[in-house]
């Protein structure tokens, strides 16, 4: 049997998932997910594609667009290497324009 929430394998007879807490009424992780995704309705506000695009155009070499979407590690690399010597910033610009650039949670920009 598999968890409907995180798709992890569950032990036979278990009432809740040991990984994500699905099935328990008041698990802390479920409460956090409800706060993060807009009260549990499945709505995710996300990051603005327009903001990320403008940050990439004007401050791409500093990694501002990557800081904005929560990719802090790679943003620091962009900051120290001037956007991977400009090539990484151009690549990110193309990815943002073609809707293939995602935030740190793996969610598309809106």
Protein backbone atom coordinates (compact mmCIF):
# COMPACT_ATOMS: atom_id res chain seq x y z
CA UNK A 1 0.00 0.00 0.00
CA UNK A 2 1.23 3.52 -0.80
CA UNK A 3 0.60 6.90 0.80
CA UNK A 4 -1.77 9.02 -1.33
CA UNK A 5 0.02 12.17 -0.21
CA UNK A 6 3.75 11.42 -0.78
CA UNK A 7 3.57 8.02 -2.56
CA UNK A 8 5.81 6.33 0.04
CA UNK A 9 5.32 2.65 0.76
CA UNK A 10 3.29 2.04 3.92
CA UNK A 11 3.42 -0.90 6.29
CA UNK A 12 0.34 -3.11 6.31
CA UNK A 13 -2.26 -1.89 8.79
CA UNK A 14 -0.70 1.53 9.37
CA UNK A 15 -3.11 4.42 9.85
CA UNK A 16 -0.71 7.21 8.95
CA UNK A 17 2.36 7.75 6.82
CA UNK A 18 5.62 7.83 8.82
CA UNK A 19 7.20 10.19 6.25
CA UNK A 20 4.63 12.93 5.65
CA UNK A 21 2.10 12.25 8.43
CA UNK A 22 -0.87 11.80 6.08
CA UNK A 23 -3.72 10.07 7.82
CA UNK A 24 -3.15 11.56 11.27
CA UNK A 25 -5.68 14.26 12.05
CA UNK A 26 -3.45 17.00 13.43
CA UNK A 27 0.08 16.26 12.27
CA UNK A 28 2.46 19.18 12.37
CA UNK A 29 3.58 18.62 8.79
CA UNK A 30 0.02 18.77 7.48
CA UNK A 31 -0.51 22.05 9.30
CA UNK A 32 2.66 23.44 7.75
CA UNK A 33 1.54 22.31 4.29
CA UNK A 34 -1.83 23.95 4.80
CA UNK A 35 -0.16 27.23 5.70
CA UNK A 36 2.30 26.99 2.80
CA UNK A 37 -0.29 26.06 0.17
CA UNK A 38 -3.00 28.50 1.15
CA UNK A 39 -4.98 26.76 3.89
CA UNK A 40 -5.02 23.26 2.49
CA UNK A 41 -7.11 24.05 -0.57
CA UNK A 42 -4.35 23.01 -2.96
CA UNK A 43 -3.78 26.61 -4.04
CA UNK A 44 -0.16 27.66 -4.41
CA UNK A 45 0.47 31.33 -5.01
CA UNK A 46 3.97 30.88 -6.42
CA UNK A 47 6.53 33.39 -7.60
CA UNK A 48 5.92 35.94 -10.33
CA UNK A 49 7.31 35.14 -13.76
CA UNK A 50 7.41 38.86 -14.61
CA UNK A 51 9.45 39.70 -11.52
CA UNK A 52 11.89 36.86 -12.17
CA UNK A 53 12.21 37.92 -15.82
CA UNK A 54 12.96 41.54 -14.94
CA UNK A 55 15.45 40.53 -12.25
CA UNK A 56 17.18 38.22 -14.73
CA UNK A 57 17.37 40.92 -17.41
CA UNK A 58 18.69 43.68 -15.18
CA UNK A 59 20.49 41.80 -12.37
CA UNK A 60 21.04 38.35 -13.87
CA UNK A 61 24.78 38.51 -13.40
CA UNK A 62 24.24 39.00 -9.68
CA UNK A 63 21.84 36.07 -9.42
CA UNK A 64 18.97 38.22 -8.17
CA UNK A 65 16.36 36.13 -9.97
CA UNK A 66 17.71 32.98 -8.31
CA UNK A 67 17.62 34.60 -4.86
CA UNK A 68 14.01 35.62 -5.63
CA UNK A 69 12.84 32.06 -6.38
CA UNK A 70 14.69 30.61 -3.38
CA UNK A 71 17.64 28.97 -5.13
CA UNK A 72 20.14 30.49 -2.73
CA UNK A 73 23.03 28.09 -3.36
CA UNK A 74 23.14 28.62 -7.09
CA UNK A 75 22.42 32.33 -6.61
CA UNK A 76 25.66 32.66 -4.64
CA UNK A 77 27.51 30.90 -7.47
CA UNK A 78 25.92 33.35 -9.95
CA UNK A 79 26.95 36.24 -7.71
CA UNK A 80 30.58 35.11 -7.48
CA UNK A 81 30.98 34.21 -11.17
CA UNK A 82 28.93 37.00 -12.80
CA UNK A 83 26.13 34.65 -13.81
CA UNK A 84 28.49 31.83 -14.79
CA UNK A 85 30.34 34.30 -16.99
CA UNK A 86 27.10 35.48 -18.59
CA UNK A 87 26.22 32.13 -20.12
CA UNK A 88 24.17 30.98 -17.13
CA UNK A 89 22.19 34.21 -17.05
CA UNK A 90 21.33 33.92 -20.74
CA UNK A 91 20.31 30.30 -20.19
CA UNK A 92 18.09 31.29 -17.26
CA UNK A 93 16.54 34.07 -19.32
CA UNK A 94 15.57 31.59 -22.03
CA UNK A 95 14.22 29.15 -19.42
CA UNK A 96 12.07 31.87 -17.82
CA UNK A 97 10.68 33.01 -21.18
CA UNK A 98 9.81 29.43 -22.19
CA UNK A 99 8.16 28.63 -18.80
CA UNK A 100 10.74 26.00 -17.87
CA UNK A 101 12.21 27.82 -14.87
CA UNK A 102 10.92 26.63 -11.49
CA UNK A 103 11.20 27.92 -7.95
CA UNK A 104 12.99 26.11 -5.13
CA UNK A 105 9.88 24.02 -4.36
CA UNK A 106 9.69 22.78 -7.95
CA UNK A 107 6.65 24.95 -8.68
CA UNK A 108 6.36 26.82 -11.99
CA UNK A 109 6.46 30.59 -12.02
CA UNK A 110 3.04 32.24 -12.37
